[in-house]
Amino acid sequence: MSKGKFAVGAIIGAVAGIVAGLLTAPKSGKDTRADLKAKADEFKKDAMKRADSVKEYAEDTADETKEKAKDIQERTRRAVDAFKNEEAKEK
């Protein structure tokens, strides 16, 4: 099982546990709804932070990939130029 699937499962399990706990707690409906809203807001903020982190990681990875591609392109161009020069010298 991948780490991502495990993390999603753990988050879903945690949310289900919290909701179950809130719904079975001896509180009024108004208090329970307020607790559910507070937890939902907390999870939303956490999800936004994680999404921002993933976005930043993806952007960094894309930048690295572009730099590596440019490097490979330049090395390939130099190798082709060197090959052409060798071919020209042999003629």
PDB file of N, CA and C in Angstrom:
ATOM      1  N   MET A   1       0.852  -1.175   0.000  1.00  0.00           N
ATOM      2  CA  MET A   1       0.000   0.000   0.000  1.00  0.00           C
ATOM      3  C   MET A   1       0.897   1.236   0.000  1.00  0.00           C
ATOM      4  N   SER A   2       0.578   2.218  -0.820  1.00  0.00           N
ATOM      5  CA  SER A   2       1.388   3.415  -0.892  1.00  0.00           C
ATOM      6  C   SER A   2       1.144   4.305   0.333  1.00  0.00           C
ATOM      7  N   LYS A   3       2.127   5.148   0.575  1.00  0.00           N
ATOM      8  CA  LYS A   3       2.009   6.061   1.721  1.00  0.00           C
ATOM      9  C   LYS A   3       0.831   7.004   1.553  1.00  0.00           C
ATOM     10  N   GLY A   4       0.589   7.437   0.307  1.00  0.00           N
ATOM     11  CA  GLY A   4      -0.528   8.358   0.044  1.00  0.00           C
ATOM     12  C   GLY A   4      -1.868   7.742   0.374  1.00  0.00           C
ATOM     13  N   LYS A   5      -2.055   6.478  -0.029  1.00  0.00           N
ATOM     14  CA  LYS A   5      -3.328   5.813   0.257  1.00  0.00           C
ATOM     15  C   LYS A   5      -3.496   5.605   1.756  1.00  0.00           C
ATOM     16  N   PHE A   6      -2.395   5.275   2.422  1.00  0.00           N
ATOM     17  CA  PHE A   6      -2.456   5.089   3.868  1.00  0.00           C
ATOM     18  C   PHE A   6      -2.827   6.397   4.555  1.00  0.00           C
ATOM     19  N   ALA A   7      -2.207   7.505   4.118  1.00  0.00           N
ATOM     20  CA  ALA A   7      -2.490   8.811   4.725  1.00  0.00           C
ATOM     21  C   ALA A   7      -3.955   9.199   4.525  1.00  0.00           C
ATOM     22  N   VAL A   8      -4.469   8.973   3.329  1.00  0.00           N
ATOM     23  CA  VAL A   8      -5.881   9.300   3.061  1.00  0.00           C
ATOM     24  C   VAL A   8      -6.784   8.453   3.947  1.00  0.00           C
ATOM     25  N   GLY A   9      -6.463   7.162   4.061  1.00  0.00           N
ATOM     26  CA  GLY A   9      -7.255   6.279   4.914  1.00  0.00           C
ATOM     27  C   GLY A   9      -7.213   6.713   6.371  1.00  0.00           C
ATOM     28  N   ALA A  10      -6.020   7.127   6.821  1.00  0.00           N
ATOM     29  CA  ALA A  10      -5.880   7.582   8.207  1.00  0.00           C
ATOM     30  C   ALA A  10      -6.692   8.846   8.457  1.00  0.00           C
ATOM     31  N   ILE A  11      -6.678   9.764   7.496  1.00  0.00           N
ATOM     32  CA  ILE A  11      -7.443  11.007   7.643  1.00  0.00           C
ATOM     33  C   ILE A  11      -8.939  10.705   7.673  1.00  0.00           C
ATOM     34  N   ILE A  12      -9.383   9.850   6.762  1.00  0.00           N
ATOM     35  CA  ILE A  12     -10.815   9.498   6.727  1.00  0.00           C
ATOM     36  C   ILE A  12     -11.220   8.817   8.031  1.00  0.00           C
ATOM     37  N   GLY A  13     -10.360   7.933   8.532  1.00  0.00           N
ATOM     38  CA  GLY A  13     -10.647   7.262   9.803  1.00  0.00           C
ATOM     39  C   GLY A  13     -10.725   8.242  10.961  1.00  0.00           C
ATOM     40  N   ALA A  14      -9.794   9.194  10.974  1.00  0.00           N
ATOM     41  CA  ALA A  14      -9.794  10.197  12.044  1.00  0.00           C
ATOM     42  C   ALA A  14     -11.061  11.045  11.988  1.00  0.00           C
ATOM     43  N   VAL A  15     -11.439  11.467  10.794  1.00  0.00           N
ATOM     44  CA  VAL A  15     -12.655  12.280  10.639  1.00  0.00           C
ATOM     45  C   VAL A  15     -13.876  11.484  11.087  1.00  0.00           C
ATOM     46  N   ALA A  16     -13.958  10.229  10.663  1.00  0.00           N
ATOM     47  CA  ALA A  16     -15.099   9.392  11.047  1.00  0.00           C
ATOM     48  C   ALA A  16     -15.155   9.224  12.566  1.00  0.00           C
ATOM     49  N   GLY A  17     -14.006   9.031  13.179  1.00  0.00           N
ATOM     50  CA  GLY A  17     -13.969   8.882  14.638  1.00  0.00           C
ATOM     51  C   GLY A  17     -14.403  10.140  15.359  1.00  0.00           C
ATOM     52  N   ILE A  18     -13.946  11.267  14.872  1.00  0.00           N
ATOM     53  CA  ILE A  18     -14.320  12.539  15.503  1.00  0.00           C
ATOM     54  C   ILE A  18     -15.820  12.796  15.348  1.00  0.00           C
ATOM     55  N   VAL A  19     -16.324  12.568  14.137  1.00  0.00           N
ATOM     56  CA  VAL A  19     -17.763  12.785  13.903  1.00  0.00           C
ATOM     57  C   VAL A  19     -18.581  11.847  14.777  1.00  0.00           C
ATOM     58  N   ALA A  20     -18.181  10.591  14.840  1.00  0.00           N
ATOM     59  CA  ALA A  20     -18.913   9.630  15.673  1.00  0.00           C
ATOM     60  C   ALA A  20     -18.881  10.059  17.136  1.00  0.00           C
ATOM     61  N   GLY A  21     -17.735  10.513  17.590  1.00  0.00           N
ATOM     62  CA  GLY A  21     -17.615  10.972  18.973  1.00  0.00           C
ATOM     63  C   GLY A  21     -18.482  12.179  19.255  1.00  0.00           C
ATOM     64  N   LEU A  22     -18.504  13.112  18.332  1.00  0.00           N
ATOM     65  CA  LEU A  22     -19.324  14.314  18.520  1.00  0.00           C
ATOM     66  C   LEU A  22     -20.816  13.988  18.500  1.00  0.00           C
ATOM     67  N   LEU A  23     -21.210  13.079  17.605  1.00  0.00           N
ATOM     68  CA  LEU A  23     -22.627  12.757  17.492  1.00  0.00           C
ATOM     69  C   LEU A  23     -23.144  11.935  18.672  1.00  0.00           C
ATOM     70  N   THR A  24     -22.278  11.212  19.343  1.00  0.00           N
ATOM     71  CA  THR A  24     -22.714  10.411  20.484  1.00  0.00           C
ATOM     72  C   THR A  24     -22.491  11.108  21.817  1.00  0.00           C
ATOM     73  N   ALA A  25     -21.856  12.266  21.789  1.00  0.00           N
ATOM     74  CA  ALA A  25     -21.612  13.005  23.026  1.00  0.00           C
ATOM     75  C   ALA A  25     -22.926  13.578  23.563  1.00  0.00           C
ATOM     76  N   PRO A  26     -23.051  13.619  24.875  1.00  0.00           N
ATOM     77  CA  PRO A  26     -24.298  14.141  25.473  1.00  0.00           C
ATOM     78  C   PRO A  26     -24.330  15.677  25.466  1.00  0.00           C
ATOM     79  N   LYS A  27     -24.517  16.246  24.281  1.00  0.00           N
ATOM     80  CA  LYS A  27     -24.598  17.695  24.138  1.00  0.00           C
ATOM     81  C   LYS A  27     -25.879  18.030  23.390  1.00  0.00           C
ATOM     82  N   SER A  28     -26.218  19.292  23.451  1.00  0.00           N
ATOM     83  CA  SER A  28     -27.389  19.739  22.695  1.00  0.00           C
ATOM     84  C   SER A  28     -27.045  19.761  21.207  1.00  0.00           C
ATOM     85  N   GLY A  29     -28.067  19.799  20.384  1.00  0.00           N
ATOM     86  CA  GLY A  29     -27.853  19.847  18.932  1.00  0.00           C
ATOM     87  C   GLY A  29     -27.066  21.078  18.525  1.00  0.00           C
ATOM     88  N   LYS A  30     -27.352  22.192  19.180  1.00  0.00           N
ATOM     89  CA  LYS A  30     -26.658  23.442  18.858  1.00  0.00           C
ATOM     90  C   LYS A  30     -25.173  23.311  19.160  1.00  0.00           C
ATOM     91  N   ASP A  31     -24.834  22.749  20.317  1.00  0.00           N
ATOM     92  CA  ASP A  31     -23.428  22.567  20.691  1.00  0.00           C
ATOM     93  C   ASP A  31     -22.733  21.576  19.752  1.00  0.00           C
ATOM     94  N   THR A  32     -23.444  20.517  19.405  1.00  0.00           N
ATOM     95  CA  THR A  32     -22.873  19.505  18.511  1.00  0.00           C
ATOM     96  C   THR A  32     -22.599  20.104  17.137  1.00  0.00           C
ATOM     97  N   ARG A  33     -23.527  20.891  16.622  1.00  0.00           N
ATOM     98  CA  ARG A  33     -23.321  21.536  15.317  1.00  0.00           C
ATOM     99  C   ARG A  33     -22.145  22.502  15.377  1.00  0.00           C
ATOM    100  N   ALA A  34     -22.031  23.226  16.466  1.00  0.00           N
ATOM    101  CA  ALA A  34     -20.902  24.160  16.623  1.00  0.00           C
ATOM    102  C   ALA A  34     -19.588  23.392  16.654  1.00  0.00           C
ATOM    103  N   ASP A  35     -19.556  22.267  17.365  1.00  0.00           N
ATOM    104  CA  ASP A  35     -18.341  21.443  17.415  1.00  0.00           C
ATOM    105  C   ASP A  35     -17.995  20.889  16.035  1.00  0.00           C
ATOM    106  N   LEU A  36     -19.023  20.405  15.317  1.00  0.00           N
ATOM    107  CA  LEU A  36     -18.793  19.876  13.974  1.00  0.00           C
ATOM    108  C   LEU A  36     -18.256  20.963  13.040  1.00  0.00           C
ATOM    109  N   LYS A  37     -18.803  22.160  13.134  1.00  0.00           N
ATOM    110  CA  LYS A  37     -18.345  23.269  12.297  1.00  0.00           C
ATOM    111  C   LYS A  37     -16.899  23.619  12.634  1.00  0.00           C
ATOM    112  N   ALA A  38     -16.571  23.659  13.915  1.00  0.00           N
ATOM    113  CA  ALA A  38     -15.204  23.988  14.325  1.00  0.00           C
ATOM    114  C   ALA A  38     -14.221  22.942  13.803  1.00  0.00           C
ATOM    115  N   LYS A  39     -14.573  21.665  13.924  1.00  0.00           N
ATOM    116  CA  LYS A  39     -13.689  20.598  13.430  1.00  0.00           C
ATOM    117  C   LYS A  39     -13.567  20.656  11.913  1.00  0.00           C
ATOM    118  N   ALA A  40     -14.685  20.940  11.228  1.00  0.00           N
ATOM    119  CA  ALA A  40     -14.644  21.042   9.763  1.00  0.00           C
ATOM    120  C   ALA A  40     -13.739  22.186   9.336  1.00  0.00           C
ATOM    121  N   ASP A  41     -13.822  23.307  10.029  1.00  0.00           N
ATOM    122  CA  ASP A  41     -12.951  24.442   9.718  1.00  0.00           C
ATOM    123  C   ASP A  41     -11.480  24.081   9.958  1.00  0.00           C
ATOM    124  N   GLU A  42     -11.238  23.359  11.041  1.00  0.00           N
ATOM    125  CA  GLU A  42      -9.871  22.929  11.361  1.00  0.00           C
ATOM    126  C   GLU A  42      -9.327  22.015  10.264  1.00  0.00           C
ATOM    127  N   PHE A  43     -10.128  21.053   9.831  1.00  0.00           N
ATOM    128  CA  PHE A  43      -9.699  20.142   8.776  1.00  0.00           C
ATOM    129  C   PHE A  43      -9.509  20.877   7.452  1.00  0.00           C
ATOM    130  N   LYS A  44     -10.358  21.866   7.189  1.00  0.00           N
ATOM    131  CA  LYS A  44     -10.234  22.648   5.957  1.00  0.00           C
ATOM    132  C   LYS A  44      -8.905  23.405   5.953  1.00  0.00           C
ATOM    133  N   LYS A  45      -8.567  24.033   7.070  1.00  0.00           N
ATOM    134  CA  LYS A  45      -7.295  24.764   7.158  1.00  0.00           C
ATOM    135  C   LYS A  45      -6.114  23.824   6.969  1.00  0.00           C
ATOM    136  N   ASP A  46      -6.192  22.653   7.586  1.00  0.00           N
ATOM    137  CA  ASP A  46      -5.124  21.672   7.456  1.00  0.00           C
ATOM    138  C   ASP A  46      -5.003  21.200   6.007  1.00  0.00           C
ATOM    139  N   ALA A  47      -6.125  20.963   5.367  1.00  0.00           N
ATOM    140  CA  ALA A  47      -6.113  20.517   3.968  1.00  0.00           C
ATOM    141  C   ALA A  47      -5.530  21.600   3.062  1.00  0.00           C
ATOM    142  N   MET A  48      -5.844  22.850   3.333  1.00  0.00           N
ATOM    143  CA  MET A  48      -5.310  23.957   2.541  1.00  0.00           C
ATOM    144  C   MET A  48      -3.796  24.039   2.702  1.00  0.00           C
ATOM    145  N   LYS A  49      -3.308  23.878   3.928  1.00  0.00           N
ATOM    146  CA  LYS A  49      -1.864  23.907   4.164  1.00  0.00           C
ATOM    147  C   LYS A  49      -1.184  22.775   3.413  1.00  0.00           C
ATOM    148  N   ARG A  50      -1.776  21.597   3.472  1.00  0.00           N
ATOM    149  CA  ARG A  50      -1.197  20.445   2.775  1.00  0.00           C
ATOM    150  C   ARG A  50      -1.233  20.653   1.262  1.00  0.00           C
ATOM    151  N   ALA A  51      -2.316  21.217   0.763  1.00  0.00           N
ATOM    152  CA  ALA A  51      -2.426  21.483  -0.674  1.00  0.00           C
ATOM    153  C   ALA A  51      -1.364  22.486  -1.109  1.00  0.00           C
ATOM    154  N   ASP A  52      -1.142  23.518  -0.304  1.00  0.00           N
ATOM    155  CA  ASP A  52      -0.106  24.498  -0.619  1.00  0.00           C
ATOM    156  C   ASP A  52       1.273  23.842  -0.625  1.00  0.00           C
ATOM    157  N   SER A  53       1.485  22.950   0.327  1.00  0.00           N
ATOM    158  CA  SER A  53       2.766  22.235   0.406  1.00  0.00           C
ATOM    159  C   SER A  53       2.974  21.359  -0.826  1.00  0.00           C
ATOM    160  N   VAL A  54       1.931  20.661  -1.240  1.00  0.00           N
ATOM    161  CA  VAL A  54       2.028  19.809  -2.431  1.00  0.00           C
ATOM    162  C   VAL A  54       2.262  20.662  -3.673  1.00  0.00           C
ATOM    163  N   LYS A  55       1.580  21.784  -3.754  1.00  0.00           N
ATOM    164  CA  LYS A  55       1.744  22.687  -4.902  1.00  0.00           C
ATOM    165  C   LYS A  55       3.177  23.195  -4.969  1.00  0.00           C
ATOM    166  N   GLU A  56       3.720  23.600  -3.842  1.00  0.00           N
ATOM    167  CA  GLU A  56       5.097  24.093  -3.792  1.00  0.00           C
ATOM    168  C   GLU A  56       6.079  22.991  -4.206  1.00  0.00           C
ATOM    169  N   TYR A  57       5.848  21.782  -3.710  1.00  0.00           N
ATOM    170  CA  TYR A  57       6.709  20.657  -4.067  1.00  0.00           C
ATOM    171  C   TYR A  57       6.640  20.394  -5.574  1.00  0.00           C
ATOM    172  N   ALA A  58       5.428  20.434  -6.131  1.00  0.00           N
ATOM    173  CA  ALA A  58       5.256  20.195  -7.565  1.00  0.00           C
ATOM    174  C   ALA A  58       5.965  21.271  -8.389  1.00  0.00           C
ATOM    175  N   GLU A  59       5.855  22.522  -7.952  1.00  0.00           N
ATOM    176  CA  GLU A  59       6.523  23.607  -8.669  1.00  0.00           C
ATOM    177  C   GLU A  59       8.040  23.443  -8.602  1.00  0.00           C
ATOM    178  N   ASP A  60       8.559  23.083  -7.434  1.00  0.00           N
ATOM    179  CA  ASP A  60       9.999  22.868  -7.293  1.00  0.00           C
ATOM    180  C   ASP A  60      10.464  21.715  -8.180  1.00  0.00           C
ATOM    181  N   THR A  61       9.688  20.651  -8.199  1.00  0.00           N
ATOM    182  CA  THR A  61      10.038  19.487  -9.020  1.00  0.00           C
ATOM    183  C   THR A  61      10.002  19.856 -10.502  1.00  0.00           C
ATOM    184  N   ALA A  62       9.010  20.635 -10.906  1.00  0.00           N
ATOM    185  CA  ALA A  62       8.913  21.067 -12.304  1.00  0.00           C
ATOM    186  C   ALA A  62      10.118  21.933 -12.674  1.00  0.00           C
ATOM    187  N   ASP A  63      10.509  22.838 -11.787  1.00  0.00           N
ATOM    188  CA  ASP A  63      11.678  23.689 -12.055  1.00  0.00           C
ATOM    189  C   ASP A  63      12.944  22.842 -12.188  1.00  0.00           C
ATOM    190  N   GLU A  64      13.115  21.866 -11.288  1.00  0.00           N
ATOM    191  CA  GLU A  64      14.281  20.983 -11.369  1.00  0.00           C
ATOM    192  C   GLU A  64      14.290  20.205 -12.671  1.00  0.00           C
ATOM    193  N   THR A  65      13.134  19.705 -13.066  1.00  0.00           N
ATOM    194  CA  THR A  65      13.021  18.926 -14.296  1.00  0.00           C
ATOM    195  C   THR A  65      13.368  19.785 -15.507  1.00  0.00           C
ATOM    196  N   LYS A  66      12.902  21.022 -15.523  1.00  0.00           N
ATOM    197  CA  LYS A  66      13.223  21.930 -16.626  1.00  0.00           C
ATOM    198  C   LYS A  66      14.727  22.166 -16.703  1.00  0.00           C
ATOM    199  N   GLU A  67      15.354  22.380 -15.558  1.00  0.00           N
ATOM    200  CA  GLU A  67      16.799  22.611 -15.540  1.00  0.00           C
ATOM    201  C   GLU A  67      17.558  21.378 -16.036  1.00  0.00           C
ATOM    202  N   LYS A  68      17.136  20.200 -15.609  1.00  0.00           N
ATOM    203  CA  LYS A  68      17.790  18.971 -16.063  1.00  0.00           C
ATOM    204  C   LYS A  68      17.592  18.782 -17.559  1.00  0.00           C
ATOM    205  N   ALA A  69      16.401  19.091 -18.057  1.00  0.00           N
ATOM    206  CA  ALA A  69      16.130  18.965 -19.487  1.00  0.00           C
ATOM    207  C   ALA A  69      17.010  19.925 -20.287  1.00  0.00           C
ATOM    208  N   LYS A  70      17.165  21.144 -19.796  1.00  0.00           N
ATOM    209  CA  LYS A  70      18.043  22.113 -20.469  1.00  0.00           C
ATOM    210  C   LYS A  70      19.478  21.610 -20.488  1.00  0.00           C
ATOM    211  N   ASP A  71      19.927  21.045 -19.373  1.00  0.00           N
ATOM    212  CA  ASP A  71      21.282  20.514 -19.294  1.00  0.00           C
ATOM    213  C   ASP A  71      21.483  19.371 -20.290  1.00  0.00           C
ATOM    214  N   ILE A  72      20.529  18.464 -20.353  1.00  0.00           N
ATOM    215  CA  ILE A  72      20.618  17.339 -21.289  1.00  0.00           C
ATOM    216  C   ILE A  72      20.596  17.848 -22.725  1.00  0.00           C
ATOM    217  N   GLN A  73      19.755  18.825 -23.001  1.00  0.00           N
ATOM    218  CA  GLN A  73      19.678  19.396 -24.339  1.00  0.00           C
ATOM    219  C   GLN A  73      21.022  20.021 -24.725  1.00  0.00           C
ATOM    220  N   GLU A  74      21.614  20.745 -23.821  1.00  0.00           N
ATOM    221  CA  GLU A  74      22.903  21.391 -24.097  1.00  0.00           C
ATOM    222  C   GLU A  74      24.004  20.355 -24.310  1.00  0.00           C
ATOM    223  N   ARG A  75      24.051  19.329 -23.474  1.00  0.00           N
ATOM    224  CA  ARG A  75      25.068  18.285 -23.644  1.00  0.00           C
ATOM    225  C   ARG A  75      24.876  17.547 -24.963  1.00  0.00           C
ATOM    226  N   THR A  76      23.624  17.301 -25.317  1.00  0.00           N
ATOM    227  CA  THR A  76      23.341  16.622 -26.584  1.00  0.00           C
ATOM    228  C   THR A  76      23.778  17.498 -27.757  1.00  0.00           C
ATOM    229  N   ARG A  77      23.478  18.784 -27.683  1.00  0.00           N
ATOM    230  CA  ARG A  77      23.875  19.707 -28.750  1.00  0.00           C
ATOM    231  C   ARG A  77      25.389  19.715 -28.903  1.00  0.00           C
ATOM    232  N   ARG A  78      26.118  19.761 -27.765  1.00  0.00           N
ATOM    233  CA  ARG A  78      27.582  19.748 -27.823  1.00  0.00           C
ATOM    234  C   ARG A  78      28.102  18.442 -28.416  1.00  0.00           C
ATOM    235  N   ALA A  79      27.484  17.334 -28.071  1.00  0.00           N
ATOM    236  CA  ALA A  79      27.915  16.042 -28.601  1.00  0.00           C
ATOM    237  C   ALA A  79      27.681  15.970 -30.114  1.00  0.00           C
ATOM    238  N   VAL A  80      26.538  16.473 -30.570  1.00  0.00           N
ATOM    239  CA  VAL A  80      26.246  16.484 -32.004  1.00  0.00           C
ATOM    240  C   VAL A  80      27.227  17.393 -32.730  1.00  0.00           C
ATOM    241  N   ASP A  81      27.491  18.572 -32.157  1.00  0.00           N
ATOM    242  CA  ASP A  81      28.456  19.492 -32.774  1.00  0.00           C
ATOM    243  C   ASP A  81      29.843  18.856 -32.850  1.00  0.00           C
ATOM    244  N   ALA A  82      30.250  18.181 -31.791  1.00  0.00           N
ATOM    245  CA  ALA A  82      31.557  17.518 -31.789  1.00  0.00           C
ATOM    246  C   ALA A  82      31.597  16.424 -32.847  1.00  0.00           C
ATOM    247  N   PHE A  83      30.519  15.677 -32.962  1.00  0.00           N
ATOM    248  CA  PHE A  83      30.452  14.619 -33.979  1.00  0.00           C
ATOM    249  C   PHE A  83      30.542  15.224 -35.379  1.00  0.00           C
ATOM    250  N   LYS A  84      29.824  16.316 -35.608  1.00  0.00           N
ATOM    251  CA  LYS A  84      29.867  16.978 -36.915  1.00  0.00           C
ATOM    252  C   LYS A  84      31.273  17.473 -37.224  1.00  0.00           C
ATOM    253  N   ASN A  85      31.953  18.035 -36.215  1.00  0.00           N
ATOM    254  CA  ASN A  85      33.312  18.535 -36.414  1.00  0.00           C
ATOM    255  C   ASN A  85      34.264  17.386 -36.756  1.00  0.00           C
ATOM    256  N   GLU A  86      34.125  16.281 -36.098  1.00  0.00           N
ATOM    257  CA  GLU A  86      34.949  15.110 -36.388  1.00  0.00           C
ATOM    258  C   GLU A  86      34.705  14.602 -37.800  1.00  0.00           C
ATOM    259  N   GLU A  87      33.445  14.577 -38.203  1.00  0.00           N
ATOM    260  CA  GLU A  87      33.074  14.137 -39.556  1.00  0.00           C
ATOM    261  C   GLU A  87      33.675  15.094 -40.596  1.00  0.00           C
ATOM    262  N   ALA A  88      33.621  16.394 -40.307  1.00  0.00           N
ATOM    263  CA  ALA A  88      34.165  17.387 -41.243  1.00  0.00           C
ATOM    264  C   ALA A  88      35.673  17.241 -41.348  1.00  0.00           C
ATOM    265  N   LYS A  89      36.363  16.945 -40.274  1.00  0.00           N
ATOM    266  CA  LYS A  89      37.824  16.786 -40.288  1.00  0.00           C
ATOM    267  C   LYS A  89      38.232  15.562 -41.103  1.00  0.00           C
ATOM    268  N   GLU A  90      37.416  14.522 -41.064  1.00  0.00           N
ATOM    269  CA  GLU A  90      37.735  13.289 -41.762  1.00  0.00           C
ATOM    270  C   GLU A  90      37.551  13.419 -43.267  1.00  0.00           C
ATOM    271  N   LYS A  91      36.805  14.389 -43.742  1.00  0.00           N
ATOM    272  CA  LYS A  91      36.558  14.559 -45.178  1.00  0.00           C
ATOM    273  C   LYS A  91      37.632  15.320 -45.852  1.00  0.00           C
TER     274      LYS A  91
END
